[in-house]
């Protein structure tokens, strides 16, 4: 039975990943700042107080999980705060820093904290966004979110190189435009469809495709 660690597990895409992994009979350690009724009912082991941008919280989680072998790490936790040119004031800069801390540094800190509990054949998934693609940016705006996702894309490629000799593969994953609380219910697909695609991409991931930027539907995305 595979053991999965999922961040951002209390809602949206993270919650749906937890549900589908449990339906497959896999073990899930669901990490979040605060749990939800839906997560509590999932059958996963729930670890609360996990702010991926907080080094102390990440280190405490690693202590709680000490000695457990981890087969898959799902870095799902993320935040979105909009900014527009002409209105980048002190509050906007703080919101941009928050997005960097959670979206870019969070997956790096989590992977570093748990990598020694991952053996050859383990996999790391980073749920990013095609909004971090420079080539795909045709509309501008969303400064903090776009920059933080471009940064985590780079981190994912570096992790793919650094973990290669350990036999750990890394997937950089765009979930699609998903109807969740983060998108205020806007989007093209539901979390269930997105999670199904993300699970398929992780199942297919190999050392040969480590570090590739994938859409949940299987398309390869430009940087």
C-alpha atoms as a PDB file:
ATOM      1  CA  UNK A   1       0.000   0.000   0.000  1.00  0.00           C
ATOM      2  CA  UNK A   2       1.427   3.373  -1.012  1.00  0.00           C
ATOM      3  CA  UNK A   3       1.733   6.078   1.611  1.00  0.00           C
ATOM      4  CA  UNK A   4       0.897   9.581   0.402  1.00  0.00           C
ATOM      5  CA  UNK A   5       1.460  12.951   2.051  1.00  0.00           C
ATOM      6  CA  UNK A   6      -0.855  15.663   0.726  1.00  0.00           C
ATOM      7  CA  UNK A   7      -0.632  19.366   1.626  1.00  0.00           C
ATOM      8  CA  UNK A   8      -3.537  21.768   1.241  1.00  0.00           C
ATOM      9  CA  UNK A   9      -5.784  18.795   1.950  1.00  0.00           C
ATOM     10  CA  UNK A  10      -8.777  20.424   3.634  1.00  0.00           C
ATOM     11  CA  UNK A  11     -10.534  21.703   0.516  1.00  0.00           C
ATOM     12  CA  UNK A  12     -10.556  21.973  -3.261  1.00  0.00           C
ATOM     13  CA  UNK A  13      -8.098  19.954  -5.318  1.00  0.00           C
ATOM     14  CA  UNK A  14      -6.180  18.725  -2.275  1.00  0.00           C
ATOM     15  CA  UNK A  15      -9.323  17.315  -0.674  1.00  0.00           C
ATOM     16  CA  UNK A  16     -10.334  15.591  -3.899  1.00  0.00           C
ATOM     17  CA  UNK A  17      -6.870  14.039  -4.268  1.00  0.00           C
ATOM     18  CA  UNK A  18      -7.213  12.694  -0.732  1.00  0.00           C
ATOM     19  CA  UNK A  19     -10.642  11.236  -1.508  1.00  0.00           C
ATOM     20  CA  UNK A  20      -9.522   9.517  -4.696  1.00  0.00           C
ATOM     21  CA  UNK A  21      -6.379   8.107  -3.105  1.00  0.00           C
ATOM     22  CA  UNK A  22      -8.480   6.682  -0.284  1.00  0.00           C
ATOM     23  CA  UNK A  23     -10.903   5.194  -2.815  1.00  0.00           C
ATOM     24  CA  UNK A  24      -7.917   3.425  -4.351  1.00  0.00           C
ATOM     25  CA  UNK A  25      -7.102   1.962  -0.949  1.00  0.00           C
ATOM     26  CA  UNK A  26      -3.932   3.987  -0.441  1.00  0.00           C
ATOM     27  CA  UNK A  27      -2.750   5.419   2.858  1.00  0.00           C
ATOM     28  CA  UNK A  28      -3.007   9.193   3.085  1.00  0.00           C
ATOM     29  CA  UNK A  29      -1.519  11.665   5.540  1.00  0.00           C
ATOM     30  CA  UNK A  30      -3.544  14.809   4.897  1.00  0.00           C
ATOM     31  CA  UNK A  31      -1.824  18.029   5.941  1.00  0.00           C
ATOM     32  CA  UNK A  32      -3.547  21.368   6.427  1.00  0.00           C
ATOM     33  CA  UNK A  33      -3.636  24.393   8.667  1.00  0.00           C
ATOM     34  CA  UNK A  34      -7.176  23.566   9.794  1.00  0.00           C
ATOM     35  CA  UNK A  35      -9.220  20.487   8.982  1.00  0.00           C
ATOM     36  CA  UNK A  36     -12.729  20.391   7.536  1.00  0.00           C
ATOM     37  CA  UNK A  37     -15.701  18.108   8.043  1.00  0.00           C
ATOM     38  CA  UNK A  38     -15.138  16.661   4.573  1.00  0.00           C
ATOM     39  CA  UNK A  39     -11.501  15.873   5.301  1.00  0.00           C
ATOM     40  CA  UNK A  40     -12.322  14.355   8.686  1.00  0.00           C
ATOM     41  CA  UNK A  41     -14.779  12.017   6.924  1.00  0.00           C
ATOM     42  CA  UNK A  42     -12.242  10.918   4.288  1.00  0.00           C
ATOM     43  CA  UNK A  43     -10.540   8.220   6.321  1.00  0.00           C
ATOM     44  CA  UNK A  44      -7.161   9.889   5.979  1.00  0.00           C
ATOM     45  CA  UNK A  45      -4.794  10.575   8.854  1.00  0.00           C
ATOM     46  CA  UNK A  46      -5.176  14.326   9.354  1.00  0.00           C
ATOM     47  CA  UNK A  47      -2.263  16.485  10.474  1.00  0.00           C
ATOM     48  CA  UNK A  48      -3.325  20.034  11.324  1.00  0.00           C
ATOM     49  CA  UNK A  49      -1.248  23.125  12.011  1.00  0.00           C
ATOM     50  CA  UNK A  50       0.785  22.576   8.850  1.00  0.00           C
ATOM     51  CA  UNK A  51       1.545  25.947   7.282  1.00  0.00           C
ATOM     52  CA  UNK A  52       3.925  25.078   4.449  1.00  0.00           C
ATOM     53  CA  UNK A  53       5.409  28.590   4.538  1.00  0.00           C
ATOM     54  CA  UNK A  54       6.377  28.200   8.204  1.00  0.00           C
ATOM     55  CA  UNK A  55       9.718  26.421   8.613  1.00  0.00           C
ATOM     56  CA  UNK A  56       8.968  25.512  12.216  1.00  0.00           C
ATOM     57  CA  UNK A  57       5.603  23.976  11.277  1.00  0.00           C
ATOM     58  CA  UNK A  58       7.194  21.969   8.458  1.00  0.00           C
ATOM     59  CA  UNK A  59       9.965  20.748  10.781  1.00  0.00           C
ATOM     60  CA  UNK A  60       7.374  19.746  13.397  1.00  0.00           C
ATOM     61  CA  UNK A  61       5.462  17.761  10.781  1.00  0.00           C
ATOM     62  CA  UNK A  62       8.655  15.951   9.793  1.00  0.00           C
ATOM     63  CA  UNK A  63       9.145  15.000  13.454  1.00  0.00           C
ATOM     64  CA  UNK A  64       5.584  13.662  13.649  1.00  0.00           C
ATOM     65  CA  UNK A  65       6.193  11.546  10.556  1.00  0.00           C
ATOM     66  CA  UNK A  66       9.689  10.431  11.562  1.00  0.00           C
ATOM     67  CA  UNK A  67      10.305   6.796  10.666  1.00  0.00           C
ATOM     68  CA  UNK A  68       7.504   6.544   8.114  1.00  0.00           C
ATOM     69  CA  UNK A  69       8.396   5.721   4.542  1.00  0.00           C
ATOM     70  CA  UNK A  70       6.718   8.134   2.111  1.00  0.00           C
ATOM     71  CA  UNK A  71       5.956   6.956  -1.418  1.00  0.00           C
ATOM     72  CA  UNK A  72       4.363  10.117  -2.806  1.00  0.00           C
ATOM     73  CA  UNK A  73       4.466  13.710  -1.700  1.00  0.00           C
ATOM     74  CA  UNK A  74       1.738  15.932  -3.117  1.00  0.00           C
ATOM     75  CA  UNK A  75       2.525  19.642  -2.766  1.00  0.00           C
ATOM     76  CA  UNK A  76      -0.931  21.117  -3.332  1.00  0.00           C
ATOM     77  CA  UNK A  77      -1.217  23.998  -0.836  1.00  0.00           C
ATOM     78  CA  UNK A  78      -1.438  27.366  -2.548  1.00  0.00           C
ATOM     79  CA  UNK A  79      -2.860  30.869  -2.325  1.00  0.00           C
ATOM     80  CA  UNK A  80      -3.965  33.439  -4.890  1.00  0.00           C
ATOM     81  CA  UNK A  81      -4.108  37.180  -4.237  1.00  0.00           C
ATOM     82  CA  UNK A  82      -4.690  39.442  -7.283  1.00  0.00           C
ATOM     83  CA  UNK A  83      -2.610  42.529  -8.050  1.00  0.00           C
ATOM     84  CA  UNK A  84      -2.924  44.984 -10.911  1.00  0.00           C
ATOM     85  CA  UNK A  85      -0.419  47.441 -12.300  1.00  0.00           C
ATOM     86  CA  UNK A  86      -0.945  50.887 -10.831  1.00  0.00           C
ATOM     87  CA  UNK A  87      -2.194  49.482  -7.536  1.00  0.00           C
ATOM     88  CA  UNK A  88       0.931  47.738  -6.265  1.00  0.00           C
ATOM     89  CA  UNK A  89       1.095  49.345  -2.840  1.00  0.00           C
ATOM     90  CA  UNK A  90       2.342  48.088   0.524  1.00  0.00           C
ATOM     91  CA  UNK A  91      -0.629  45.733   0.956  1.00  0.00           C
ATOM     92  CA  UNK A  92      -0.156  44.308  -2.524  1.00  0.00           C
ATOM     93  CA  UNK A  93       3.543  43.676  -1.867  1.00  0.00           C
ATOM     94  CA  UNK A  94       2.690  41.799   1.325  1.00  0.00           C
ATOM     95  CA  UNK A  95       0.195  39.705  -0.616  1.00  0.00           C
ATOM     96  CA  UNK A  96       2.853  38.970  -3.227  1.00  0.00           C
ATOM     97  CA  UNK A  97       5.307  37.877  -0.535  1.00  0.00           C
ATOM     98  CA  UNK A  98       2.668  35.575   0.938  1.00  0.00           C
ATOM     99  CA  UNK A  99       2.224  33.931  -2.461  1.00  0.00           C
ATOM    100  CA  UNK A 100       5.963  33.420  -2.808  1.00  0.00           C
ATOM    101  CA  UNK A 101       6.167  31.931   0.676  1.00  0.00           C
ATOM    102  CA  UNK A 102       3.293  29.491   0.156  1.00  0.00           C
ATOM    103  CA  UNK A 103       3.386  28.749  -3.565  1.00  0.00           C
ATOM    104  CA  UNK A 104       7.134  28.731  -4.227  1.00  0.00           C
ATOM    105  CA  UNK A 105       8.967  28.130  -0.955  1.00  0.00           C
ATOM    106  CA  UNK A 106       6.346  25.808   0.558  1.00  0.00           C
ATOM    107  CA  UNK A 107       6.876  22.878  -1.841  1.00  0.00           C
ATOM    108  CA  UNK A 108      10.653  23.283  -1.562  1.00  0.00           C
ATOM    109  CA  UNK A 109      10.576  23.249   2.242  1.00  0.00           C
ATOM    110  CA  UNK A 110       8.221  20.263   2.362  1.00  0.00           C
ATOM    111  CA  UNK A 111      10.292  18.246  -0.093  1.00  0.00           C
ATOM    112  CA  UNK A 112      13.520  19.008   1.741  1.00  0.00           C
ATOM    113  CA  UNK A 113      11.983  18.087   5.104  1.00  0.00           C
ATOM    114  CA  UNK A 114      10.643  14.714   3.930  1.00  0.00           C
ATOM    115  CA  UNK A 115      13.120  13.604   1.238  1.00  0.00           C
ATOM    116  CA  UNK A 116      15.110  11.363   3.597  1.00  0.00           C
ATOM    117  CA  UNK A 117      11.930   9.350   4.192  1.00  0.00           C
ATOM    118  CA  UNK A 118      11.552   8.732   0.461  1.00  0.00           C
ATOM    119  CA  UNK A 119      13.279   5.799  -1.212  1.00  0.00           C
ATOM    120  CA  UNK A 120      14.121   5.122  -4.840  1.00  0.00           C
ATOM    121  CA  UNK A 121      10.847   4.934  -6.754  1.00  0.00           C
ATOM    122  CA  UNK A 122       9.154   7.631  -4.683  1.00  0.00           C
ATOM    123  CA  UNK A 123       7.535  10.590  -6.425  1.00  0.00           C
ATOM    124  CA  UNK A 124       7.040  14.279  -5.702  1.00  0.00           C
ATOM    125  CA  UNK A 125       4.170  16.205  -7.277  1.00  0.00           C
ATOM    126  CA  UNK A 126       4.082  19.995  -7.338  1.00  0.00           C
ATOM    127  CA  UNK A 127       0.689  21.450  -8.207  1.00  0.00           C
ATOM    128  CA  UNK A 128       1.575  24.703  -9.934  1.00  0.00           C
ATOM    129  CA  UNK A 129      -0.234  26.610 -12.689  1.00  0.00           C
ATOM    130  CA  UNK A 130       0.214  27.386 -16.353  1.00  0.00           C
ATOM    131  CA  UNK A 131      -0.061  30.996 -15.165  1.00  0.00           C
ATOM    132  CA  UNK A 132       3.598  30.514 -14.235  1.00  0.00           C
ATOM    133  CA  UNK A 133       4.473  29.886 -17.887  1.00  0.00           C
ATOM    134  CA  UNK A 134       6.234  32.832 -19.520  1.00  0.00           C
ATOM    135  CA  UNK A 135       5.384  31.588 -23.014  1.00  0.00           C
ATOM    136  CA  UNK A 136       1.716  31.140 -22.106  1.00  0.00           C
ATOM    137  CA  UNK A 137       1.255  34.595 -20.562  1.00  0.00           C
ATOM    138  CA  UNK A 138      -1.002  36.379 -23.040  1.00  0.00           C
ATOM    139  CA  UNK A 139      -3.001  38.578 -20.653  1.00  0.00           C
ATOM    140  CA  UNK A 140      -0.611  40.031 -18.044  1.00  0.00           C
ATOM    141  CA  UNK A 141      -1.667  40.958 -14.508  1.00  0.00           C
ATOM    142  CA  UNK A 142      -1.803  38.597 -11.504  1.00  0.00           C
ATOM    143  CA  UNK A 143       1.749  39.590 -10.661  1.00  0.00           C
ATOM    144  CA  UNK A 144       2.294  37.769  -7.389  1.00  0.00           C
ATOM    145  CA  UNK A 145       0.563  34.581  -8.456  1.00  0.00           C
ATOM    146  CA  UNK A 146       2.291  34.390 -11.842  1.00  0.00           C
ATOM    147  CA  UNK A 147       5.731  35.114 -10.403  1.00  0.00           C
ATOM    148  CA  UNK A 148       5.334  32.658  -7.524  1.00  0.00           C
ATOM    149  CA  UNK A 149       4.254  29.895  -9.898  1.00  0.00           C
ATOM    150  CA  UNK A 150       7.137  30.617 -12.290  1.00  0.00           C
ATOM    151  CA  UNK A 151       9.431  30.358  -9.256  1.00  0.00           C
ATOM    152  CA  UNK A 152       8.043  27.006  -8.127  1.00  0.00           C
ATOM    153  CA  UNK A 153       8.328  25.693 -11.682  1.00  0.00           C
ATOM    154  CA  UNK A 154      12.049  26.461 -11.515  1.00  0.00           C
ATOM    155  CA  UNK A 155      12.255  24.841  -8.084  1.00  0.00           C
ATOM    156  CA  UNK A 156      10.605  21.729  -9.500  1.00  0.00           C
ATOM    157  CA  UNK A 157      13.181  21.402 -12.250  1.00  0.00           C
ATOM    158  CA  UNK A 158      16.020  21.878  -9.756  1.00  0.00           C
ATOM    159  CA  UNK A 159      14.475  19.259  -7.469  1.00  0.00           C
ATOM    160  CA  UNK A 160      14.254  16.847 -10.400  1.00  0.00           C
ATOM    161  CA  UNK A 161      18.002  17.223 -10.914  1.00  0.00           C
ATOM    162  CA  UNK A 162      18.921  17.111  -7.229  1.00  0.00           C
ATOM    163  CA  UNK A 163      16.751  14.056  -6.452  1.00  0.00           C
ATOM    164  CA  UNK A 164      17.703  12.106  -9.578  1.00  0.00           C
ATOM    165  CA  UNK A 165      20.512  10.123  -7.941  1.00  0.00           C
ATOM    166  CA  UNK A 166      18.102   9.138  -5.153  1.00  0.00           C
ATOM    167  CA  UNK A 167      15.717   7.685  -7.735  1.00  0.00           C
ATOM    168  CA  UNK A 168      12.966  10.170  -6.834  1.00  0.00           C
ATOM    169  CA  UNK A 169      10.989  11.643  -9.743  1.00  0.00           C
ATOM    170  CA  UNK A 170       9.313  15.064  -9.734  1.00  0.00           C
ATOM    171  CA  UNK A 171       6.154  16.080 -11.604  1.00  0.00           C
ATOM    172  CA  UNK A 172       5.321  19.744 -12.211  1.00  0.00           C
ATOM    173  CA  UNK A 173       1.550  19.763 -12.627  1.00  0.00           C
ATOM    174  CA  UNK A 174      -1.045  22.239 -13.867  1.00  0.00           C
ATOM    175  CA  UNK A 175      -4.443  21.158 -12.508  1.00  0.00           C
ATOM    176  CA  UNK A 176      -6.504  22.959 -15.153  1.00  0.00           C
ATOM    177  CA  UNK A 177      -8.835  25.884 -14.563  1.00  0.00           C
ATOM    178  CA  UNK A 178     -10.724  24.330 -11.673  1.00  0.00           C
ATOM    179  CA  UNK A 179     -13.923  25.474  -9.991  1.00  0.00           C
ATOM    180  CA  UNK A 180     -12.823  25.835  -6.360  1.00  0.00           C
ATOM    181  CA  UNK A 181     -13.019  28.326  -3.514  1.00  0.00           C
ATOM    182  CA  UNK A 182      -9.713  29.803  -4.722  1.00  0.00           C
ATOM    183  CA  UNK A 183     -11.200  30.615  -8.126  1.00  0.00           C
ATOM    184  CA  UNK A 184     -14.487  31.745  -6.528  1.00  0.00           C
ATOM    185  CA  UNK A 185     -16.314  28.970  -8.327  1.00  0.00           C
ATOM    186  CA  UNK A 186     -15.080  29.991 -11.755  1.00  0.00           C
ATOM    187  CA  UNK A 187     -13.369  27.489 -14.001  1.00  0.00           C
ATOM    188  CA  UNK A 188     -13.729  24.932 -16.763  1.00  0.00           C
ATOM    189  CA  UNK A 189     -13.608  21.673 -14.786  1.00  0.00           C
ATOM    190  CA  UNK A 190     -14.512  20.414 -11.327  1.00  0.00           C
ATOM    191  CA  UNK A 191     -11.989  19.315  -8.699  1.00  0.00           C
ATOM    192  CA  UNK A 192     -12.944  15.662  -9.249  1.00  0.00           C
ATOM    193  CA  UNK A 193     -11.922  15.739 -12.915  1.00  0.00           C
ATOM    194  CA  UNK A 194      -8.740  17.646 -12.133  1.00  0.00           C
ATOM    195  CA  UNK A 195      -7.692  15.231  -9.390  1.00  0.00           C
ATOM    196  CA  UNK A 196      -8.329  12.243 -11.644  1.00  0.00           C
ATOM    197  CA  UNK A 197      -5.958  13.726 -14.211  1.00  0.00           C
ATOM    198  CA  UNK A 198      -3.335  14.593 -11.606  1.00  0.00           C
ATOM    199  CA  UNK A 199      -3.373  11.047 -10.245  1.00  0.00           C
ATOM    200  CA  UNK A 200      -2.919   9.704 -13.770  1.00  0.00           C
ATOM    201  CA  UNK A 201       0.071  11.979 -14.385  1.00  0.00           C
ATOM    202  CA  UNK A 202       1.713  10.863 -11.149  1.00  0.00           C
ATOM    203  CA  UNK A 203       1.053   7.208 -11.982  1.00  0.00           C
ATOM    204  CA  UNK A 204       2.769   7.706 -15.350  1.00  0.00           C
ATOM    205  CA  UNK A 205       5.699   9.693 -13.946  1.00  0.00           C
ATOM    206  CA  UNK A 206       9.109   8.084 -14.390  1.00  0.00           C
ATOM    207  CA  UNK A 207      12.726   9.126 -13.999  1.00  0.00           C
ATOM    208  CA  UNK A 208      12.763   9.763 -17.748  1.00  0.00           C
ATOM    209  CA  UNK A 209       9.968  12.345 -17.458  1.00  0.00           C
ATOM    210  CA  UNK A 210      11.070  13.861 -14.142  1.00  0.00           C
ATOM    211  CA  UNK A 211      11.033  17.649 -14.252  1.00  0.00           C
ATOM    212  CA  UNK A 212       8.503  17.944 -17.097  1.00  0.00           C
ATOM    213  CA  UNK A 213       5.665  20.503 -16.905  1.00  0.00           C
ATOM    214  CA  UNK A 214       2.332  18.705 -17.452  1.00  0.00           C
ATOM    215  CA  UNK A 215      -1.304  19.698 -17.778  1.00  0.00           C
ATOM    216  CA  UNK A 216      -3.584  17.375 -15.814  1.00  0.00           C
ATOM    217  CA  UNK A 217      -5.020  16.240 -19.186  1.00  0.00           C
ATOM    218  CA  UNK A 218      -1.615  14.912 -20.249  1.00  0.00           C
ATOM    219  CA  UNK A 219      -0.493  17.794 -22.479  1.00  0.00           C
ATOM    220  CA  UNK A 220       3.078  18.985 -22.080  1.00  0.00           C
ATOM    221  CA  UNK A 221       3.164  22.722 -21.277  1.00  0.00           C
ATOM    222  CA  UNK A 222       5.645  25.402 -22.377  1.00  0.00           C
ATOM    223  CA  UNK A 223       7.850  27.182 -19.888  1.00  0.00           C
END
